[in-house]
Each structure stands twice: as C-alpha cells, then as structure tokens.
C-alpha cells in the first residue's frame, strides 16, 4: 500500500504525508498505536471509613493500597501491590468499593 501511496504522491505532485493522511481514515489514524486498558479506582463506598474497616482482612488490604495510590491501578498492579488474588478485588467491585473504567493508552512496542 505504501508503494501505491508513493506513486500517487509522485503522479499528483503531492506531499507523501498529505497523500497518506487522505488515504487513511481518521478513525484509524486516531487509534493507531493505542490500546484500551481497564483501571480500578475507589468507588463511593470507599469514602465510608467504618465500612472499609469492617471488611475482611484481604479486602481491607486491597482498599488501603488503592486509597493510597496516586492514580488508578490496573488489576495486575493492584494484585501485585496488595499481594492477593483477583477474588478480593472482584468482591470489592461487586459491592461498590472499587469501580473500573477503560482508558486509552499508547501501546509500547515489544521487543522480540
């Protein structure tokens, strides 16, 4: 496809960048090099200190990590920092202590 775009650029005496911009749909250009990830953050129930203290030990530890975090964490980050499985986190999500949202982040290239 790149060869075709180069040919069009030469034929019409148009800059290659302009040809590429015209040929590639805006939606594709905007999403190129990015991916969605789910991040977790404290939900409304987390504001109730008594409710947090009444949680089981592992769930309370998860909440402490999440409340002390400067920014939302991925499931993997939260599991690692709280040293727990996904079960306490899922239970907290179900009960409203933790909420999730999707964020678009730049994809980092992986070395092979």
PDB file of N, CA and C in Angstrom:
ATOM      1  N   UNK A   1       0.830  -1.184   0.000  1.00  0.00           N
ATOM      2  CA  UNK A   1       0.000   0.000   0.000  1.00  0.00           C
ATOM      3  C   UNK A   1       0.880   1.255   0.000  1.00  0.00           C
ATOM      4  N   UNK A   2       2.003   1.158   0.700  1.00  0.00           N
ATOM      5  CA  UNK A   2       2.892   2.316   0.755  1.00  0.00           C
ATOM      6  C   UNK A   2       3.422   2.673  -0.630  1.00  0.00           C
ATOM      7  N   UNK A   3       3.735   1.655  -1.424  1.00  0.00           N
ATOM      8  CA  UNK A   3       4.204   1.916  -2.790  1.00  0.00           C
ATOM      9  C   UNK A   3       3.137   2.650  -3.601  1.00  0.00           C
ATOM     10  N   UNK A   4       1.894   2.244  -3.446  1.00  0.00           N
ATOM     11  CA  UNK A   4       0.798   2.918  -4.146  1.00  0.00           C
ATOM     12  C   UNK A   4       0.711   4.379  -3.711  1.00  0.00           C
ATOM     13  N   UNK A   5       0.843   4.619  -2.423  1.00  0.00           N
ATOM     14  CA  UNK A   5       0.779   5.996  -1.916  1.00  0.00           C
ATOM     15  C   UNK A   5       1.952   6.821  -2.453  1.00  0.00           C
ATOM     16  N   UNK A   6       3.117   6.213  -2.556  1.00  0.00           N
ATOM     17  CA  UNK A   6       4.278   6.920  -3.135  1.00  0.00           C
ATOM     18  C   UNK A   6       4.009   7.265  -4.603  1.00  0.00           C
ATOM     19  N   UNK A   7       3.442   6.310  -5.333  1.00  0.00           N
ATOM     20  CA  UNK A   7       3.136   6.551  -6.742  1.00  0.00           C
ATOM     21  C   UNK A   7       2.142   7.708  -6.874  1.00  0.00           C
ATOM     22  N   UNK A   8       1.094   7.681  -6.058  1.00  0.00           N
ATOM     23  CA  UNK A   8       0.097   8.757  -6.087  1.00  0.00           C
ATOM     24  C   UNK A   8       0.767  10.091  -5.783  1.00  0.00           C
ATOM     25  N   UNK A   9       1.663  10.092  -4.808  1.00  0.00           N
ATOM     26  CA  UNK A   9       2.381  11.305  -4.429  1.00  0.00           C
ATOM     27  C   UNK A   9       3.182  11.856  -5.604  1.00  0.00           C
ATOM     28  N   UNK A  10       3.885  10.980  -6.300  1.00  0.00           N
ATOM     29  CA  UNK A  10       4.690  11.422  -7.452  1.00  0.00           C
ATOM     30  C   UNK A  10       3.782  11.865  -8.608  1.00  0.00           C
ATOM     31  N   UNK A  11       2.760  11.082  -8.894  1.00  0.00           N
ATOM     32  CA  UNK A  11       1.883  11.350 -10.026  1.00  0.00           C
ATOM     33  C   UNK A  11       1.172  12.697  -9.876  1.00  0.00           C
ATOM     34  N   UNK A  12       0.656  12.954  -8.678  1.00  0.00           N
ATOM     35  CA  UNK A  12      -0.104  14.177  -8.448  1.00  0.00           C
ATOM     36  C   UNK A  12       0.741  15.312  -7.866  1.00  0.00           C
ATOM     37  N   UNK A  13       2.048  15.061  -7.721  1.00  0.00           N
ATOM     38  CA  UNK A  13       2.967  16.057  -7.166  1.00  0.00           C
ATOM     39  C   UNK A  13       2.465  16.573  -5.813  1.00  0.00           C
ATOM     40  N   UNK A  14       2.031  15.648  -5.003  1.00  0.00           N
ATOM     41  CA  UNK A  14       1.516  15.980  -3.666  1.00  0.00           C
ATOM     42  C   UNK A  14       2.469  15.408  -2.619  1.00  0.00           C
ATOM     43  N   UNK A  15       2.631  16.092  -1.494  1.00  0.00           N
ATOM     44  CA  UNK A  15       3.493  15.552  -0.434  1.00  0.00           C
ATOM     45  C   UNK A  15       2.979  14.187   0.042  1.00  0.00           C
ATOM     46  N   UNK A  16       3.905  13.272   0.299  1.00  0.00           N
ATOM     47  CA  UNK A  16       3.535  11.924   0.722  1.00  0.00           C
ATOM     48  C   UNK A  16       2.677  11.957   1.991  1.00  0.00           C
ATOM     49  N   UNK A  17       3.016  12.824   2.928  1.00  0.00           N
ATOM     50  CA  UNK A  17       2.238  12.930   4.163  1.00  0.00           C
ATOM     51  C   UNK A  17       0.785  13.280   3.902  1.00  0.00           C
ATOM     52  N   UNK A  18       0.567  14.188   2.962  1.00  0.00           N
ATOM     53  CA  UNK A  18      -0.802  14.582   2.622  1.00  0.00           C
ATOM     54  C   UNK A  18      -1.552  13.423   1.971  1.00  0.00           C
ATOM     55  N   UNK A  19      -0.864  12.675   1.104  1.00  0.00           N
ATOM     56  CA  UNK A  19      -1.492  11.521   0.456  1.00  0.00           C
ATOM     57  C   UNK A  19      -1.867  10.474   1.503  1.00  0.00           C
ATOM     58  N   UNK A  20      -0.936  10.196   2.421  1.00  0.00           N
ATOM     59  CA  UNK A  20      -1.212   9.208   3.471  1.00  0.00           C
ATOM     60  C   UNK A  20      -2.375   9.656   4.348  1.00  0.00           C
ATOM     61  N   UNK A  21      -2.393  10.933   4.680  1.00  0.00           N
ATOM     62  CA  UNK A  21      -3.463  11.455   5.525  1.00  0.00           C
ATOM     63  C   UNK A  21      -4.824  11.335   4.841  1.00  0.00           C
ATOM     64  N   UNK A  22      -4.834  11.516   3.537  1.00  0.00           N
ATOM     65  CA  UNK A  22      -6.074  11.397   2.778  1.00  0.00           C
ATOM     66  C   UNK A  22      -6.517   9.942   2.651  1.00  0.00           C
ATOM     67  N   UNK A  23      -5.556   9.042   2.503  1.00  0.00           N
ATOM     68  CA  UNK A  23      -5.872   7.633   2.251  1.00  0.00           C
ATOM     69  C   UNK A  23      -6.279   6.867   3.505  1.00  0.00           C
ATOM     70  N   UNK A  24      -5.757   7.267   4.656  1.00  0.00           N
ATOM     71  CA  UNK A  24      -6.021   6.527   5.895  1.00  0.00           C
ATOM     72  C   UNK A  24      -7.173   7.208   6.637  1.00  0.00           C
ATOM     73  N   UNK A  25      -8.247   6.482   6.912  1.00  0.00           N
ATOM     74  CA  UNK A  25      -9.401   7.078   7.598  1.00  0.00           C
ATOM     75  C   UNK A  25      -9.021   7.683   8.957  1.00  0.00           C
ATOM     76  N   UNK A  26      -9.690   8.754   9.319  1.00  0.00           N
ATOM     77  CA  UNK A  26      -9.408   9.454  10.569  1.00  0.00           C
ATOM     78  C   UNK A  26      -9.507   8.535  11.774  1.00  0.00           C
ATOM     79  N   UNK A  27     -10.525   7.704  11.813  1.00  0.00           N
ATOM     80  CA  UNK A  27     -10.700   6.791  12.946  1.00  0.00           C
ATOM     81  C   UNK A  27      -9.523   5.867  13.123  1.00  0.00           C
ATOM     82  N   UNK A  28      -8.966   5.403  12.033  1.00  0.00           N
ATOM     83  CA  UNK A  28      -7.800   4.517  12.105  1.00  0.00           C
ATOM     84  C   UNK A  28      -6.577   5.299  12.564  1.00  0.00           C
ATOM     85  N   UNK A  29      -6.398   6.504  12.028  1.00  0.00           N
ATOM     86  CA  UNK A  29      -5.239   7.329  12.420  1.00  0.00           C
ATOM     87  C   UNK A  29      -5.274   7.659  13.906  1.00  0.00           C
ATOM     88  N   UNK A  30      -6.454   7.987  14.415  1.00  0.00           N
ATOM     89  CA  UNK A  30      -6.565   8.378  15.824  1.00  0.00           C
ATOM     90  C   UNK A  30      -6.297   7.229  16.776  1.00  0.00           C
ATOM     91  N   UNK A  31      -6.594   5.997  16.369  1.00  0.00           N
ATOM     92  CA  UNK A  31      -6.444   4.855  17.264  1.00  0.00           C
ATOM     93  C   UNK A  31      -5.135   4.112  17.065  1.00  0.00           C
ATOM     94  N   UNK A  32      -4.394   4.464  16.055  1.00  0.00           N
ATOM     95  CA  UNK A  32      -3.141   3.754  15.776  1.00  0.00           C
ATOM     96  C   UNK A  32      -2.172   3.927  16.931  1.00  0.00           C
ATOM     97  N   UNK A  33      -1.565   2.842  17.355  1.00  0.00           N
ATOM     98  CA  UNK A  33      -0.567   2.900  18.414  1.00  0.00           C
ATOM     99  C   UNK A  33      -1.150   3.024  19.811  1.00  0.00           C
ATOM    100  N   UNK A  34      -2.435   2.756  19.964  1.00  0.00           N
ATOM    101  CA  UNK A  34      -3.030   2.841  21.299  1.00  0.00           C
ATOM    102  C   UNK A  34      -3.830   1.575  21.583  1.00  0.00           C
ATOM    103  N   UNK A  35      -4.153   1.402  22.860  1.00  0.00           N
ATOM    104  CA  UNK A  35      -4.959   0.255  23.271  1.00  0.00           C
ATOM    105  C   UNK A  35      -5.772   0.663  24.490  1.00  0.00           C
ATOM    106  N   UNK A  36      -6.815  -0.105  24.759  1.00  0.00           N
ATOM    107  CA  UNK A  36      -7.634   0.147  25.945  1.00  0.00           C
ATOM    108  C   UNK A  36      -7.133  -0.700  27.098  1.00  0.00           C
ATOM    109  N   UNK A  37      -7.153  -0.126  28.285  1.00  0.00           N
ATOM    110  CA  UNK A  37      -6.850  -0.907  29.485  1.00  0.00           C
ATOM    111  C   UNK A  37      -7.866  -0.517  30.550  1.00  0.00           C
ATOM    112  N   UNK A  38      -8.156  -1.474  31.410  1.00  0.00           N
ATOM    113  CA  UNK A  38      -9.107  -1.243  32.492  1.00  0.00           C
ATOM    114  C   UNK A  38      -8.338  -0.860  33.741  1.00  0.00           C
ATOM    115  N   UNK A  39      -8.729   0.252  34.347  1.00  0.00           N
ATOM    116  CA  UNK A  39      -8.094   0.685  35.589  1.00  0.00           C
ATOM    117  C   UNK A  39      -9.136   0.702  36.699  1.00  0.00           C
ATOM    118  N   UNK A  40      -8.667   0.494  37.908  1.00  0.00           N
ATOM    119  CA  UNK A  40      -9.532   0.419  39.087  1.00  0.00           C
ATOM    120  C   UNK A  40      -9.279   1.621  39.981  1.00  0.00           C
ATOM    121  N   UNK A  41     -10.334   2.126  40.585  1.00  0.00           N
ATOM    122  CA  UNK A  41     -10.219   3.267  41.495  1.00  0.00           C
ATOM    123  C   UNK A  41     -11.286   3.128  42.578  1.00  0.00           C
ATOM    124  N   UNK A  42     -11.117   3.821  43.709  1.00  0.00           N
ATOM    125  CA  UNK A  42     -12.085   3.696  44.805  1.00  0.00           C
ATOM    126  C   UNK A  42     -13.478   4.162  44.376  1.00  0.00           C
ATOM    127  N   UNK A  43     -14.473   3.399  44.761  1.00  0.00           N
ATOM    128  CA  UNK A  43     -15.859   3.751  44.486  1.00  0.00           C
ATOM    129  C   UNK A  43     -16.432   4.578  45.623  1.00  0.00           C
ATOM    130  N   UNK A  44     -17.696   4.955  45.543  1.00  0.00           N
ATOM    131  CA  UNK A  44     -18.312   5.797  46.567  1.00  0.00           C
ATOM    132  C   UNK A  44     -18.304   5.170  47.959  1.00  0.00           C
ATOM    133  N   UNK A  45     -18.425   3.852  48.032  1.00  0.00           N
ATOM    134  CA  UNK A  45     -18.439   3.180  49.338  1.00  0.00           C
ATOM    135  C   UNK A  45     -17.100   3.323  50.059  1.00  0.00           C
ATOM    136  N   UNK A  46     -16.020   3.551  49.317  1.00  0.00           N
ATOM    137  CA  UNK A  46     -14.691   3.639  49.920  1.00  0.00           C
ATOM    138  C   UNK A  46     -14.542   4.871  50.810  1.00  0.00           C
ATOM    139  N   UNK A  47     -15.420   5.847  50.653  1.00  0.00           N
ATOM    140  CA  UNK A  47     -15.358   7.056  51.476  1.00  0.00           C
ATOM    141  C   UNK A  47     -15.805   6.796  52.911  1.00  0.00           C
ATOM    142  N   UNK A  48     -16.517   5.706  53.132  1.00  0.00           N
ATOM    143  CA  UNK A  48     -17.002   5.357  54.467  1.00  0.00           C
ATOM    144  C   UNK A  48     -15.929   4.550  55.203  1.00  0.00           C
ATOM    145  N   UNK A  49     -15.171   5.223  56.065  1.00  0.00           N
ATOM    146  CA  UNK A  49     -14.053   4.579  56.773  1.00  0.00           C
ATOM    147  C   UNK A  49     -14.528   3.405  57.629  1.00  0.00           C
ATOM    148  N   UNK A  50     -15.689   3.521  58.225  1.00  0.00           N
ATOM    149  CA  UNK A  50     -16.202   2.415  59.057  1.00  0.00           C
ATOM    150  C   UNK A  50     -16.490   1.183  58.206  1.00  0.00           C
ATOM    151  N   UNK A  51     -17.054   1.404  57.028  1.00  0.00           N
ATOM    152  CA  UNK A  51     -17.354   0.278  56.135  1.00  0.00           C
ATOM    153  C   UNK A  51     -16.067  -0.395  55.670  1.00  0.00           C
ATOM    154  N   UNK A  52     -15.043   0.406  55.405  1.00  0.00           N
ATOM    155  CA  UNK A  52     -13.751  -0.161  54.981  1.00  0.00           C
ATOM    156  C   UNK A  52     -13.148  -0.976  56.119  1.00  0.00           C
ATOM    157  N   UNK A  53     -13.221  -0.467  57.343  1.00  0.00           N
ATOM    158  CA  UNK A  53     -12.664  -1.186  58.495  1.00  0.00           C
ATOM    159  C   UNK A  53     -13.414  -2.486  58.773  1.00  0.00           C
ATOM    160  N   UNK A  54     -14.669  -2.557  58.382  1.00  0.00           N
ATOM    161  CA  UNK A  54     -15.472  -3.761  58.622  1.00  0.00           C
ATOM    162  C   UNK A  54     -15.222  -4.856  57.579  1.00  0.00           C
ATOM    163  N   UNK A  55     -14.443  -4.547  56.558  1.00  0.00           N
ATOM    164  CA  UNK A  55     -14.166  -5.534  55.501  1.00  0.00           C
ATOM    165  C   UNK A  55     -13.259  -6.649  56.006  1.00  0.00           C
ATOM    166  N   UNK A  56     -13.308  -7.815  55.367  1.00  0.00           N
ATOM    167  CA  UNK A  56     -12.354  -8.883  55.695  1.00  0.00           C
ATOM    168  C   UNK A  56     -10.917  -8.392  55.467  1.00  0.00           C
ATOM    169  N   UNK A  57      -9.970  -9.034  56.102  1.00  0.00           N
ATOM    170  CA  UNK A  57      -8.571  -8.588  56.107  1.00  0.00           C
ATOM    171  C   UNK A  57      -8.014  -8.353  54.700  1.00  0.00           C
ATOM    172  N   UNK A  58      -8.163  -9.304  53.803  1.00  0.00           N
ATOM    173  CA  UNK A  58      -7.592  -9.160  52.457  1.00  0.00           C
ATOM    174  C   UNK A  58      -8.258  -8.024  51.683  1.00  0.00           C
ATOM    175  N   UNK A  59      -9.560  -7.902  51.813  1.00  0.00           N
ATOM    176  CA  UNK A  59     -10.257  -6.820  51.125  1.00  0.00           C
ATOM    177  C   UNK A  59      -9.845  -5.466  51.691  1.00  0.00           C
ATOM    178  N   UNK A  60      -9.669  -5.409  53.000  1.00  0.00           N
ATOM    179  CA  UNK A  60      -9.230  -4.164  53.632  1.00  0.00           C
ATOM    180  C   UNK A  60      -7.829  -3.789  53.140  1.00  0.00           C
ATOM    181  N   UNK A  61      -6.952  -4.777  52.997  1.00  0.00           N
ATOM    182  CA  UNK A  61      -5.594  -4.521  52.494  1.00  0.00           C
ATOM    183  C   UNK A  61      -5.641  -3.986  51.064  1.00  0.00           C
ATOM    184  N   UNK A  62      -6.519  -4.550  50.250  1.00  0.00           N
ATOM    185  CA  UNK A  62      -6.676  -4.076  48.871  1.00  0.00           C
ATOM    186  C   UNK A  62      -7.135  -2.621  48.874  1.00  0.00           C
ATOM    187  N   UNK A  63      -8.104  -2.310  49.707  1.00  0.00           N
ATOM    188  CA  UNK A  63      -8.617  -0.940  49.767  1.00  0.00           C
ATOM    189  C   UNK A  63      -7.552   0.037  50.239  1.00  0.00           C
ATOM    190  N   UNK A  64      -6.737  -0.366  51.208  1.00  0.00           N
ATOM    191  CA  UNK A  64      -5.673   0.517  51.684  1.00  0.00           C
ATOM    192  C   UNK A  64      -4.691   0.833  50.561  1.00  0.00           C
ATOM    193  N   UNK A  65      -4.328  -0.185  49.786  1.00  0.00           N
ATOM    194  CA  UNK A  65      -3.415   0.036  48.655  1.00  0.00           C
ATOM    195  C   UNK A  65      -4.050   0.986  47.646  1.00  0.00           C
ATOM    196  N   UNK A  66      -5.297   0.745  47.306  1.00  0.00           N
ATOM    197  CA  UNK A  66      -5.971   1.559  46.296  1.00  0.00           C
ATOM    198  C   UNK A  66      -6.179   2.996  46.774  1.00  0.00           C
ATOM    199  N   UNK A  67      -6.514   3.160  48.038  1.00  0.00           N
ATOM    200  CA  UNK A  67      -6.723   4.507  48.576  1.00  0.00           C
ATOM    201  C   UNK A  67      -5.418   5.291  48.667  1.00  0.00           C
ATOM    202  N   UNK A  68      -4.307   4.606  48.845  1.00  0.00           N
ATOM    203  CA  UNK A  68      -3.011   5.282  48.941  1.00  0.00           C
ATOM    204  C   UNK A  68      -2.372   5.533  47.581  1.00  0.00           C
ATOM    205  N   UNK A  69      -2.883   4.887  46.545  1.00  0.00           N
ATOM    206  CA  UNK A  69      -2.315   5.046  45.201  1.00  0.00           C
ATOM    207  C   UNK A  69      -2.589   6.456  44.680  1.00  0.00           C
ATOM    208  N   UNK A  70      -1.609   7.017  44.010  1.00  0.00           N
ATOM    209  CA  UNK A  70      -1.743   8.364  43.470  1.00  0.00           C
ATOM    210  C   UNK A  70      -2.643   8.408  42.235  1.00  0.00           C
ATOM    211  N   UNK A  71      -2.804   7.265  41.578  1.00  0.00           N
ATOM    212  CA  UNK A  71      -3.616   7.195  40.367  1.00  0.00           C
ATOM    213  C   UNK A  71      -4.297   5.832  40.296  1.00  0.00           C
ATOM    214  N   UNK A  72      -5.290   5.689  39.433  1.00  0.00           N
ATOM    215  CA  UNK A  72      -5.943   4.378  39.287  1.00  0.00           C
ATOM    216  C   UNK A  72      -4.928   3.302  38.895  1.00  0.00           C
ATOM    217  N   UNK A  73      -5.196   2.070  39.316  1.00  0.00           N
ATOM    218  CA  UNK A  73      -4.291   0.950  39.060  1.00  0.00           C
ATOM    219  C   UNK A  73      -4.973  -0.090  38.186  1.00  0.00           C
ATOM    220  N   UNK A  74      -4.172  -0.822  37.432  1.00  0.00           N
ATOM    221  CA  UNK A  74      -4.716  -1.961  36.694  1.00  0.00           C
ATOM    222  C   UNK A  74      -4.928  -3.100  37.679  1.00  0.00           C
ATOM    223  N   UNK A  75      -5.681  -4.104  37.262  1.00  0.00           N
ATOM    224  CA  UNK A  75      -5.912  -5.277  38.114  1.00  0.00           C
ATOM    225  C   UNK A  75      -4.570  -5.901  38.502  1.00  0.00           C
ATOM    226  N   UNK A  76      -3.687  -6.024  37.541  1.00  0.00           N
ATOM    227  CA  UNK A  76      -2.382  -6.640  37.801  1.00  0.00           C
ATOM    228  C   UNK A  76      -1.576  -5.830  38.816  1.00  0.00           C
ATOM    229  N   UNK A  77      -1.563  -4.515  38.660  1.00  0.00           N
ATOM    230  CA  UNK A  77      -0.836  -3.662  39.601  1.00  0.00           C
ATOM    231  C   UNK A  77      -1.414  -3.782  41.005  1.00  0.00           C
ATOM    232  N   UNK A  78      -2.737  -3.772  41.104  1.00  0.00           N
ATOM    233  CA  UNK A  78      -3.384  -3.857  42.411  1.00  0.00           C
ATOM    234  C   UNK A  78      -3.122  -5.207  43.062  1.00  0.00           C
ATOM    235  N   UNK A  79      -3.220  -6.280  42.293  1.00  0.00           N
ATOM    236  CA  UNK A  79      -2.938  -7.619  42.833  1.00  0.00           C
ATOM    237  C   UNK A  79      -1.500  -7.702  43.337  1.00  0.00           C
ATOM    238  N   UNK A  80      -0.575  -7.139  42.579  1.00  0.00           N
ATOM    239  CA  UNK A  80       0.840  -7.193  42.958  1.00  0.00           C
ATOM    240  C   UNK A  80       1.099  -6.397  44.233  1.00  0.00           C
ATOM    241  N   UNK A  81       0.576  -5.183  44.292  1.00  0.00           N
ATOM    242  CA  UNK A  81       0.824  -4.323  45.456  1.00  0.00           C
ATOM    243  C   UNK A  81       0.125  -4.830  46.712  1.00  0.00           C
ATOM    244  N   UNK A  82      -1.075  -5.391  46.548  1.00  0.00           N
ATOM    245  CA  UNK A  82      -1.826  -5.894  47.706  1.00  0.00           C
ATOM    246  C   UNK A  82      -1.462  -7.342  48.034  1.00  0.00           C
ATOM    247  N   UNK A  83      -0.684  -7.966  47.171  1.00  0.00           N
ATOM    248  CA  UNK A  83      -0.262  -9.368  47.343  1.00  0.00           C
ATOM    249  C   UNK A  83      -1.474 -10.274  47.567  1.00  0.00           C
ATOM    250  N   UNK A  84      -2.378 -10.240  46.593  1.00  0.00           N
ATOM    251  CA  UNK A  84      -3.590 -11.055  46.713  1.00  0.00           C
ATOM    252  C   UNK A  84      -3.995 -11.598  45.349  1.00  0.00           C
ATOM    253  N   UNK A  85      -4.978 -12.456  45.359  1.00  0.00           N
ATOM    254  CA  UNK A  85      -5.538 -12.977  44.109  1.00  0.00           C
ATOM    255  C   UNK A  85      -6.586 -11.983  43.599  1.00  0.00           C
ATOM    256  N   UNK A  86      -7.236 -12.339  42.523  1.00  0.00           N
ATOM    257  CA  UNK A  86      -8.270 -11.470  41.963  1.00  0.00           C
ATOM    258  C   UNK A  86      -9.572 -11.521  42.766  1.00  0.00           C
ATOM    259  N   UNK A  87      -9.767 -12.564  43.564  1.00  0.00           N
ATOM    260  CA  UNK A  87     -11.039 -12.753  44.280  1.00  0.00           C
ATOM    261  C   UNK A  87     -11.412 -11.580  45.195  1.00  0.00           C
ATOM    262  N   UNK A  88     -10.514 -11.097  46.074  1.00  0.00           N
ATOM    263  CA  UNK A  88     -10.916  -9.971  46.926  1.00  0.00           C
ATOM    264  C   UNK A  88     -11.233  -8.707  46.123  1.00  0.00           C
ATOM    265  N   UNK A  89     -10.519  -8.524  45.034  1.00  0.00           N
ATOM    266  CA  UNK A  89     -10.750  -7.338  44.199  1.00  0.00           C
ATOM    267  C   UNK A  89     -12.114  -7.437  43.523  1.00  0.00           C
ATOM    268  N   UNK A  90     -12.440  -8.612  43.006  1.00  0.00           N
ATOM    269  CA  UNK A  90     -13.748  -8.805  42.372  1.00  0.00           C
ATOM    270  C   UNK A  90     -14.879  -8.624  43.383  1.00  0.00           C
ATOM    271  N   UNK A  91     -14.675  -9.111  44.593  1.00  0.00           N
ATOM    272  CA  UNK A  91     -15.698  -8.941  45.633  1.00  0.00           C
ATOM    273  C   UNK A  91     -15.911  -7.461  45.942  1.00  0.00           C
ATOM    274  N   UNK A  92     -14.824  -6.697  45.989  1.00  0.00           N
ATOM    275  CA  UNK A  92     -14.929  -5.261  46.251  1.00  0.00           C
ATOM    276  C   UNK A  92     -15.603  -4.528  45.090  1.00  0.00           C
ATOM    277  N   UNK A  93     -15.351  -4.976  43.873  1.00  0.00           N
ATOM    278  CA  UNK A  93     -16.031  -4.381  42.713  1.00  0.00           C
ATOM    279  C   UNK A  93     -17.526  -4.659  42.781  1.00  0.00           C
ATOM    280  N   UNK A  94     -17.881  -5.875  43.151  1.00  0.00           N
ATOM    281  CA  UNK A  94     -19.299  -6.253  43.231  1.00  0.00           C
ATOM    282  C   UNK A  94     -20.040  -5.460  44.297  1.00  0.00           C
ATOM    283  N   UNK A  95     -19.349  -5.128  45.371  1.00  0.00           N
ATOM    284  CA  UNK A  95     -20.003  -4.416  46.471  1.00  0.00           C
ATOM    285  C   UNK A  95     -19.890  -2.895  46.360  1.00  0.00           C
ATOM    286  N   UNK A  96     -19.260  -2.387  45.311  1.00  0.00           N
ATOM    287  CA  UNK A  96     -19.203  -0.946  45.090  1.00  0.00           C
ATOM    288  C   UNK A  96     -18.033  -0.228  45.727  1.00  0.00           C
ATOM    289  N   UNK A  97     -17.144  -0.947  46.389  1.00  0.00           N
ATOM    290  CA  UNK A  97     -15.969  -0.306  46.980  1.00  0.00           C
ATOM    291  C   UNK A  97     -14.948   0.074  45.905  1.00  0.00           C
ATOM    292  N   UNK A  98     -14.922  -0.689  44.823  1.00  0.00           N
ATOM    293  CA  UNK A  98     -13.998  -0.422  43.721  1.00  0.00           C
ATOM    294  C   UNK A  98     -14.813  -0.271  42.443  1.00  0.00           C
ATOM    295  N   UNK A  99     -14.434   0.725  41.641  1.00  0.00           N
ATOM    296  CA  UNK A  99     -15.048   0.909  40.331  1.00  0.00           C
ATOM    297  C   UNK A  99     -13.968   0.778  39.265  1.00  0.00           C
ATOM    298  N   UNK A 100     -14.399   0.564  38.037  1.00  0.00           N
ATOM    299  CA  UNK A 100     -13.459   0.395  36.927  1.00  0.00           C
ATOM    300  C   UNK A 100     -13.867   1.295  35.769  1.00  0.00           C
ATOM    301  N   UNK A 101     -12.872   1.687  35.006  1.00  0.00           N
ATOM    302  CA  UNK A 101     -13.128   2.422  33.768  1.00  0.00           C
ATOM    303  C   UNK A 101     -12.054   2.041  32.755  1.00  0.00           C
ATOM    304  N   UNK A 102     -12.358   2.284  31.500  1.00  0.00           N
ATOM    305  CA  UNK A 102     -11.408   1.980  30.434  1.00  0.00           C
ATOM    306  C   UNK A 102     -10.670   3.261  30.067  1.00  0.00           C
ATOM    307  N   UNK A 103      -9.363   3.136  29.887  1.00  0.00           N
ATOM    308  CA  UNK A 103      -8.533   4.258  29.455  1.00  0.00           C
ATOM    309  C   UNK A 103      -7.809   3.862  28.186  1.00  0.00           C
ATOM    310  N   UNK A 104      -7.648   4.805  27.290  1.00  0.00           N
ATOM    311  CA  UNK A 104      -6.860   4.562  26.090  1.00  0.00           C
ATOM    312  C   UNK A 104      -5.433   5.013  26.381  1.00  0.00           C
ATOM    313  N   UNK A 105      -4.497   4.120  26.179  1.00  0.00           N
ATOM    314  CA  UNK A 105      -3.086   4.421  26.423  1.00  0.00           C
ATOM    315  C   UNK A 105      -2.284   4.088  25.177  1.00  0.00           C
ATOM    316  N   UNK A 106      -1.157   4.759  25.040  1.00  0.00           N
ATOM    317  CA  UNK A 106      -0.273   4.458  23.922  1.00  0.00           C
ATOM    318  C   UNK A 106       0.306   3.075  24.104  1.00  0.00           C
ATOM    319  N   UNK A 107       0.277   2.299  23.064  1.00  0.00           N
ATOM    320  CA  UNK A 107       0.854   0.955  23.114  1.00  0.00           C
ATOM    321  C   UNK A 107       2.368   1.076  23.003  1.00  0.00           C
ATOM    322  N   UNK A 108       3.059   0.363  23.859  1.00  0.00           N
ATOM    323  CA  UNK A 108       4.514   0.371  23.784  1.00  0.00           C
ATOM    324  C   UNK A 108       4.960  -0.813  22.953  1.00  0.00           C
ATOM    325  N   UNK A 109       5.906  -0.578  22.057  1.00  0.00           N
ATOM    326  CA  UNK A 109       6.369  -1.699  21.233  1.00  0.00           C
ATOM    327  C   UNK A 109       7.084  -2.736  22.083  1.00  0.00           C
ATOM    328  N   UNK A 110       6.893  -3.990  21.731  1.00  0.00           N
ATOM    329  CA  UNK A 110       7.559  -5.064  22.459  1.00  0.00           C
ATOM    330  C   UNK A 110       8.728  -5.577  21.645  1.00  0.00           C
ATOM    331  N   UNK A 111       9.781  -5.920  22.337  1.00  0.00           N
ATOM    332  CA  UNK A 111      10.957  -6.470  21.672  1.00  0.00           C
ATOM    333  C   UNK A 111      10.779  -7.961  21.508  1.00  0.00           C
ATOM    334  N   UNK A 112      11.186  -8.476  20.389  1.00  0.00           N
ATOM    335  CA  UNK A 112      11.089  -9.916  20.151  1.00  0.00           C
ATOM    336  C   UNK A 112      12.447 -10.481  19.887  1.00  0.00           C
TER     337      UNK A 112
END
